[in-house]
Amino acid sequence: MLAALQTEALQVLDAAGIQPAQVAKSPPRLLPHILRLPNWAFNRVAASMLRMDASARSSMWEDVQRGRTTEIDDLCGAVVRLAAAHGANAPRSAVMCRLMAEDRIGQRWSGPDLRRAIG
């Protein structure tokens, strides 16, 4: 899902004429491709991304667990608004925003269920 949302965001940035900044070792346009690699290849290519404490959790995970507002609107919502401003669509980002607004993402979604919901 992350790769699909990143791909959509990159398409919207293109529509808006915005060049994304490089904040990781890999260029932004390669990240969705890296995320879609088979596990064995991803583990080799993204080894540095995988090195973390086994008990580490993202701030968004903590927000969901504690019932707090997440940064989804700052991320996916911004993509939706930018798309609308430039005559484009961001349907996956819009669904993610809707799911979070409905607090449905806090449910125990399986990967396939979330994939079906977002498309």
N, C-alpha and C. Protein backbone atom coordinates (compact mmCIF):
# COMPACT_ATOMS: atom_id res chain seq x y z
N MET A 1 0.82 -1.18 0.00
CA MET A 1 0.00 0.00 0.00
C MET A 1 0.87 1.25 0.00
N LEU A 2 1.96 1.19 0.73
CA LEU A 2 2.86 2.34 0.77
C LEU A 2 3.38 2.66 -0.63
N ALA A 3 3.75 1.63 -1.38
CA ALA A 3 4.23 1.84 -2.74
C ALA A 3 3.14 2.45 -3.62
N ALA A 4 1.90 1.97 -3.47
CA ALA A 4 0.79 2.50 -4.26
C ALA A 4 0.52 3.96 -3.90
N LEU A 5 0.54 4.29 -2.62
CA LEU A 5 0.33 5.67 -2.21
C LEU A 5 1.47 6.58 -2.66
N GLN A 6 2.70 6.07 -2.60
CA GLN A 6 3.84 6.87 -3.07
C GLN A 6 3.77 7.10 -4.58
N THR A 7 3.39 6.08 -5.32
CA THR A 7 3.25 6.22 -6.77
C THR A 7 2.21 7.29 -7.10
N GLU A 8 1.09 7.22 -6.41
CA GLU A 8 0.02 8.21 -6.62
C GLU A 8 0.52 9.61 -6.29
N ALA A 9 1.22 9.76 -5.17
CA ALA A 9 1.75 11.07 -4.78
C ALA A 9 2.74 11.59 -5.83
N LEU A 10 3.59 10.73 -6.36
CA LEU A 10 4.54 11.15 -7.39
C LEU A 10 3.81 11.60 -8.65
N GLN A 11 2.73 10.94 -9.01
CA GLN A 11 1.94 11.34 -10.18
C GLN A 11 1.31 12.72 -9.95
N VAL A 12 0.83 12.95 -8.74
CA VAL A 12 0.24 14.26 -8.41
C VAL A 12 1.32 15.34 -8.42
N LEU A 13 2.48 15.04 -7.87
CA LEU A 13 3.58 16.01 -7.91
C LEU A 13 3.94 16.35 -9.36
N ASP A 14 3.95 15.35 -10.24
CA ASP A 14 4.21 15.61 -11.66
C ASP A 14 3.16 16.55 -12.23
N ALA A 15 1.89 16.29 -11.92
CA ALA A 15 0.79 17.14 -12.42
C ALA A 15 0.95 18.58 -11.93
N ALA A 16 1.50 18.74 -10.73
CA ALA A 16 1.69 20.07 -10.15
C ALA A 16 3.03 20.69 -10.54
N GLY A 17 3.86 19.94 -11.26
CA GLY A 17 5.17 20.46 -11.65
C GLY A 17 6.15 20.56 -10.50
N ILE A 18 6.00 19.70 -9.52
CA ILE A 18 6.86 19.73 -8.33
C ILE A 18 7.85 18.57 -8.39
N GLN A 19 9.11 18.87 -8.17
CA GLN A 19 10.16 17.85 -8.11
C GLN A 19 10.36 17.46 -6.65
N PRO A 20 10.12 16.20 -6.29
CA PRO A 20 10.28 15.82 -4.89
C PRO A 20 11.74 15.85 -4.45
N ALA A 21 11.95 16.22 -3.21
CA ALA A 21 13.30 16.25 -2.65
C ALA A 21 13.74 14.83 -2.32
N GLN A 22 15.03 14.61 -2.41
CA GLN A 22 15.58 13.31 -2.03
C GLN A 22 15.92 13.35 -0.55
N VAL A 23 15.23 12.50 0.24
CA VAL A 23 15.45 12.48 1.69
C VAL A 23 16.01 11.14 2.16
N ALA A 24 16.09 10.19 1.25
CA ALA A 24 16.66 8.88 1.57
C ALA A 24 17.83 8.62 0.63
N LYS A 25 18.47 7.48 0.79
CA LYS A 25 19.60 7.15 -0.09
C LYS A 25 19.14 7.01 -1.53
N SER A 26 17.95 6.48 -1.73
CA SER A 26 17.43 6.27 -3.08
C SER A 26 16.61 7.47 -3.53
N PRO A 27 16.64 7.78 -4.82
CA PRO A 27 15.80 8.86 -5.34
C PRO A 27 14.32 8.55 -5.11
N PRO A 28 13.50 9.57 -4.86
CA PRO A 28 12.08 9.36 -4.56
C PRO A 28 11.36 8.51 -5.61
N ARG A 29 11.71 8.64 -6.85
CA ARG A 29 11.00 7.90 -7.91
C ARG A 29 11.33 6.40 -7.90
N LEU A 30 12.40 6.03 -7.22
CA LEU A 30 12.74 4.60 -7.13
C LEU A 30 12.10 3.91 -5.93
N LEU A 31 11.70 4.68 -4.93
CA LEU A 31 11.19 4.07 -3.69
C LEU A 31 9.99 3.14 -3.92
N PRO A 32 8.97 3.53 -4.71
CA PRO A 32 7.86 2.59 -4.92
C PRO A 32 8.32 1.29 -5.58
N HIS A 33 9.29 1.38 -6.47
CA HIS A 33 9.80 0.18 -7.14
C HIS A 33 10.55 -0.72 -6.14
N ILE A 34 11.31 -0.09 -5.27
CA ILE A 34 12.04 -0.85 -4.24
C ILE A 34 11.05 -1.56 -3.32
N LEU A 35 10.00 -0.85 -2.92
CA LEU A 35 9.00 -1.44 -2.03
C LEU A 35 8.27 -2.63 -2.67
N ARG A 36 8.21 -2.65 -3.98
CA ARG A 36 7.50 -3.73 -4.68
C ARG A 36 8.39 -4.93 -5.02
N LEU A 37 9.64 -4.86 -4.67
CA LEU A 37 10.54 -5.98 -4.95
C LEU A 37 10.11 -7.22 -4.18
N PRO A 38 10.43 -8.40 -4.69
CA PRO A 38 10.19 -9.62 -3.89
C PRO A 38 10.97 -9.51 -2.58
N ASN A 39 10.49 -10.16 -1.55
CA ASN A 39 11.12 -10.05 -0.23
C ASN A 39 12.62 -10.27 -0.25
N TRP A 40 13.09 -11.31 -0.95
CA TRP A 40 14.53 -11.61 -0.94
C TRP A 40 15.32 -10.45 -1.53
N ALA A 41 14.80 -9.81 -2.58
CA ALA A 41 15.50 -8.68 -3.20
C ALA A 41 15.38 -7.42 -2.34
N PHE A 42 14.20 -7.19 -1.81
CA PHE A 42 13.99 -6.03 -0.95
C PHE A 42 14.93 -6.09 0.26
N ASN A 43 15.04 -7.27 0.87
CA ASN A 43 15.91 -7.42 2.04
C ASN A 43 17.35 -7.06 1.72
N ARG A 44 17.79 -7.31 0.51
CA ARG A 44 19.17 -6.96 0.14
C ARG A 44 19.30 -5.49 -0.20
N VAL A 45 18.37 -4.97 -0.99
CA VAL A 45 18.45 -3.58 -1.46
C VAL A 45 18.19 -2.60 -0.32
N ALA A 46 17.25 -2.92 0.53
CA ALA A 46 16.82 -1.99 1.57
C ALA A 46 17.31 -2.40 2.96
N ALA A 47 18.41 -3.10 3.03
CA ALA A 47 18.91 -3.61 4.31
C ALA A 47 19.03 -2.50 5.36
N SER A 48 19.49 -1.33 4.98
CA SER A 48 19.67 -0.26 5.96
C SER A 48 18.32 0.24 6.48
N MET A 49 17.27 0.16 5.67
CA MET A 49 15.94 0.58 6.11
C MET A 49 15.37 -0.41 7.12
N LEU A 50 15.85 -1.65 7.08
CA LEU A 50 15.30 -2.70 7.93
C LEU A 50 15.99 -2.81 9.28
N ARG A 51 17.11 -2.12 9.45
CA ARG A 51 17.84 -2.19 10.72
C ARG A 51 17.19 -1.28 11.75
N MET A 52 16.45 -1.89 12.65
CA MET A 52 15.84 -1.11 13.73
C MET A 52 15.52 -2.05 14.88
N ASP A 53 15.30 -1.46 16.00
CA ASP A 53 14.95 -2.23 17.20
C ASP A 53 13.62 -2.94 16.96
N ALA A 54 13.55 -4.21 17.33
CA ALA A 54 12.34 -5.00 17.11
C ALA A 54 11.13 -4.44 17.85
N SER A 55 11.36 -3.66 18.89
CA SER A 55 10.24 -3.09 19.64
C SER A 55 9.87 -1.69 19.16
N ALA A 56 10.57 -1.18 18.17
CA ALA A 56 10.29 0.16 17.66
C ALA A 56 8.93 0.19 16.95
N ARG A 57 8.22 1.27 17.10
CA ARG A 57 6.94 1.49 16.44
C ARG A 57 6.93 2.90 15.88
N SER A 58 6.18 3.09 14.80
CA SER A 58 6.10 4.43 14.21
C SER A 58 5.19 5.31 15.05
N SER A 59 5.34 6.61 14.88
CA SER A 59 4.48 7.54 15.61
C SER A 59 3.03 7.36 15.19
N MET A 60 2.79 7.01 13.91
CA MET A 60 1.42 6.80 13.47
C MET A 60 0.82 5.56 14.13
N TRP A 61 1.61 4.51 14.28
CA TRP A 61 1.13 3.31 14.97
C TRP A 61 0.72 3.68 16.40
N GLU A 62 1.56 4.47 17.07
CA GLU A 62 1.23 4.89 18.43
C GLU A 62 -0.03 5.73 18.46
N ASP A 63 -0.19 6.64 17.48
CA ASP A 63 -1.40 7.46 17.43
C ASP A 63 -2.65 6.59 17.28
N VAL A 64 -2.61 5.63 16.38
CA VAL A 64 -3.77 4.75 16.16
C VAL A 64 -4.07 3.96 17.44
N GLN A 65 -3.04 3.40 18.06
CA GLN A 65 -3.23 2.62 19.27
C GLN A 65 -3.83 3.44 20.41
N ARG A 66 -3.50 4.71 20.46
CA ARG A 66 -3.95 5.58 21.55
C ARG A 66 -5.19 6.40 21.19
N GLY A 67 -5.71 6.17 19.98
CA GLY A 67 -6.92 6.88 19.57
C GLY A 67 -6.70 8.35 19.25
N ARG A 68 -5.46 8.72 18.96
CA ARG A 68 -5.14 10.12 18.64
C ARG A 68 -5.27 10.36 17.14
N THR A 69 -5.37 11.60 16.77
CA THR A 69 -5.37 12.00 15.37
C THR A 69 -4.01 11.67 14.77
N THR A 70 -4.02 11.10 13.59
CA THR A 70 -2.76 10.77 12.91
C THR A 70 -2.40 11.88 11.92
N GLU A 71 -1.26 11.72 11.29
CA GLU A 71 -0.82 12.69 10.29
C GLU A 71 -1.31 12.32 8.88
N ILE A 72 -2.27 11.42 8.78
CA ILE A 72 -2.77 11.01 7.46
C ILE A 72 -3.27 12.20 6.66
N ASP A 73 -3.99 13.12 7.30
CA ASP A 73 -4.47 14.27 6.54
C ASP A 73 -3.32 15.15 6.07
N ASP A 74 -2.25 15.23 6.87
CA ASP A 74 -1.08 16.00 6.45
C ASP A 74 -0.34 15.32 5.30
N LEU A 75 -0.49 14.02 5.17
CA LEU A 75 0.20 13.26 4.12
C LEU A 75 -0.75 13.00 2.94
N CYS A 76 -1.68 12.10 3.13
CA CYS A 76 -2.60 11.74 2.05
C CYS A 76 -3.56 12.89 1.71
N GLY A 77 -4.00 13.60 2.72
CA GLY A 77 -4.89 14.74 2.48
C GLY A 77 -4.23 15.81 1.63
N ALA A 78 -2.95 16.04 1.88
CA ALA A 78 -2.22 17.03 1.08
C ALA A 78 -2.14 16.59 -0.38
N VAL A 79 -1.98 15.29 -0.60
CA VAL A 79 -1.93 14.76 -1.97
C VAL A 79 -3.29 14.97 -2.64
N VAL A 80 -4.37 14.69 -1.93
CA VAL A 80 -5.72 14.87 -2.47
C VAL A 80 -5.96 16.33 -2.83
N ARG A 81 -5.60 17.24 -1.92
CA ARG A 81 -5.81 18.67 -2.18
C ARG A 81 -4.95 19.18 -3.34
N LEU A 82 -3.71 18.73 -3.42
CA LEU A 82 -2.84 19.14 -4.51
C LEU A 82 -3.38 18.60 -5.84
N ALA A 83 -3.84 17.38 -5.84
CA ALA A 83 -4.42 16.79 -7.05
C ALA A 83 -5.61 17.63 -7.52
N ALA A 84 -6.51 17.95 -6.61
CA ALA A 84 -7.69 18.73 -6.96
C ALA A 84 -7.31 20.10 -7.52
N ALA A 85 -6.28 20.70 -6.96
CA ALA A 85 -5.84 22.03 -7.42
C ALA A 85 -5.24 21.99 -8.82
N HIS A 86 -4.85 20.81 -9.28
CA HIS A 86 -4.20 20.69 -10.59
C HIS A 86 -4.97 19.78 -11.54
N GLY A 87 -6.26 19.60 -11.27
CA GLY A 87 -7.11 18.83 -12.17
C GLY A 87 -6.79 17.35 -12.24
N ALA A 88 -6.19 16.83 -11.19
CA ALA A 88 -5.84 15.41 -11.14
C ALA A 88 -6.67 14.74 -10.05
N ASN A 89 -6.53 13.45 -9.94
CA ASN A 89 -7.21 12.68 -8.90
C ASN A 89 -6.19 11.92 -8.07
N ALA A 90 -6.56 11.65 -6.84
CA ALA A 90 -5.73 10.84 -5.94
C ALA A 90 -6.67 9.91 -5.17
N PRO A 91 -7.26 8.94 -5.87
CA PRO A 91 -8.29 8.10 -5.24
C PRO A 91 -7.79 7.26 -4.07
N ARG A 92 -6.59 6.73 -4.15
CA ARG A 92 -6.08 5.91 -3.04
C ARG A 92 -5.86 6.76 -1.79
N SER A 93 -5.30 7.92 -1.99
CA SER A 93 -5.07 8.82 -0.85
C SER A 93 -6.41 9.27 -0.26
N ALA A 94 -7.39 9.52 -1.11
CA ALA A 94 -8.72 9.93 -0.64
C ALA A 94 -9.36 8.82 0.19
N VAL A 95 -9.23 7.58 -0.25
CA VAL A 95 -9.80 6.46 0.52
C VAL A 95 -9.07 6.32 1.85
N MET A 96 -7.77 6.46 1.86
CA MET A 96 -7.02 6.36 3.12
C MET A 96 -7.49 7.45 4.09
N CYS A 97 -7.69 8.67 3.60
CA CYS A 97 -8.19 9.74 4.46
C CYS A 97 -9.58 9.41 5.00
N ARG A 98 -10.43 8.88 4.13
CA ARG A 98 -11.79 8.53 4.56
C ARG A 98 -11.76 7.42 5.61
N LEU A 99 -10.94 6.40 5.39
CA LEU A 99 -10.85 5.32 6.37
C LEU A 99 -10.39 5.83 7.73
N MET A 100 -9.41 6.71 7.71
CA MET A 100 -8.91 7.26 8.98
C MET A 100 -9.97 8.14 9.64
N ALA A 101 -10.69 8.94 8.84
CA ALA A 101 -11.72 9.82 9.39
C ALA A 101 -12.85 9.00 10.02
N GLU A 102 -13.12 7.85 9.43
CA GLU A 102 -14.16 6.96 9.96
C GLU A 102 -13.62 6.07 11.08
N ASP A 103 -12.33 6.22 11.38
CA ASP A 103 -11.64 5.41 12.38
C ASP A 103 -11.71 3.93 12.05
N ARG A 104 -11.79 3.63 10.77
CA ARG A 104 -11.84 2.23 10.36
C ARG A 104 -10.46 1.62 10.28
N ILE A 105 -9.44 2.44 10.16
CA ILE A 105 -8.09 1.89 10.02
C ILE A 105 -7.63 1.30 11.34
N GLY A 106 -8.21 1.74 12.46
CA GLY A 106 -7.86 1.19 13.75
C GLY A 106 -8.35 -0.25 13.92
N GLN A 107 -9.23 -0.66 13.02
CA GLN A 107 -9.67 -2.06 13.05
C GLN A 107 -8.49 -2.93 12.64
N ARG A 108 -8.58 -4.18 12.92
CA ARG A 108 -7.52 -5.12 12.53
C ARG A 108 -7.71 -5.50 11.07
N TRP A 109 -7.12 -4.74 10.20
CA TRP A 109 -7.21 -5.00 8.76
C TRP A 109 -6.10 -5.96 8.36
N SER A 110 -6.42 -6.93 7.55
CA SER A 110 -5.37 -7.73 6.97
C SER A 110 -4.80 -6.94 5.79
N GLY A 111 -3.62 -7.29 5.34
CA GLY A 111 -3.05 -6.63 4.17
C GLY A 111 -3.97 -6.72 2.96
N PRO A 112 -4.47 -7.91 2.64
CA PRO A 112 -5.37 -8.03 1.49
C PRO A 112 -6.65 -7.22 1.64
N ASP A 113 -7.21 -7.13 2.87
CA ASP A 113 -8.42 -6.34 3.06
C ASP A 113 -8.15 -4.85 2.82
N LEU A 114 -7.04 -4.36 3.33
CA LEU A 114 -6.69 -2.96 3.13
C LEU A 114 -6.42 -2.69 1.65
N ARG A 115 -5.76 -3.62 1.00
CA ARG A 115 -5.47 -3.48 -0.43
C ARG A 115 -6.77 -3.39 -1.24
N ARG A 116 -7.76 -4.24 -0.89
CA ARG A 116 -9.05 -4.19 -1.58
C ARG A 116 -9.76 -2.87 -1.32
N ALA A 117 -9.69 -2.37 -0.11
CA ALA A 117 -10.36 -1.12 0.24
C ALA A 117 -9.76 0.08 -0.49
N ILE A 118 -8.45 0.07 -0.63
CA ILE A 118 -7.77 1.23 -1.22
C ILE A 118 -7.59 1.06 -2.73
N GLY A 119 -7.46 -0.16 -3.18
CA GLY A 119 -7.38 -0.39 -4.61
C GLY A 119 -6.02 -0.51 -5.19
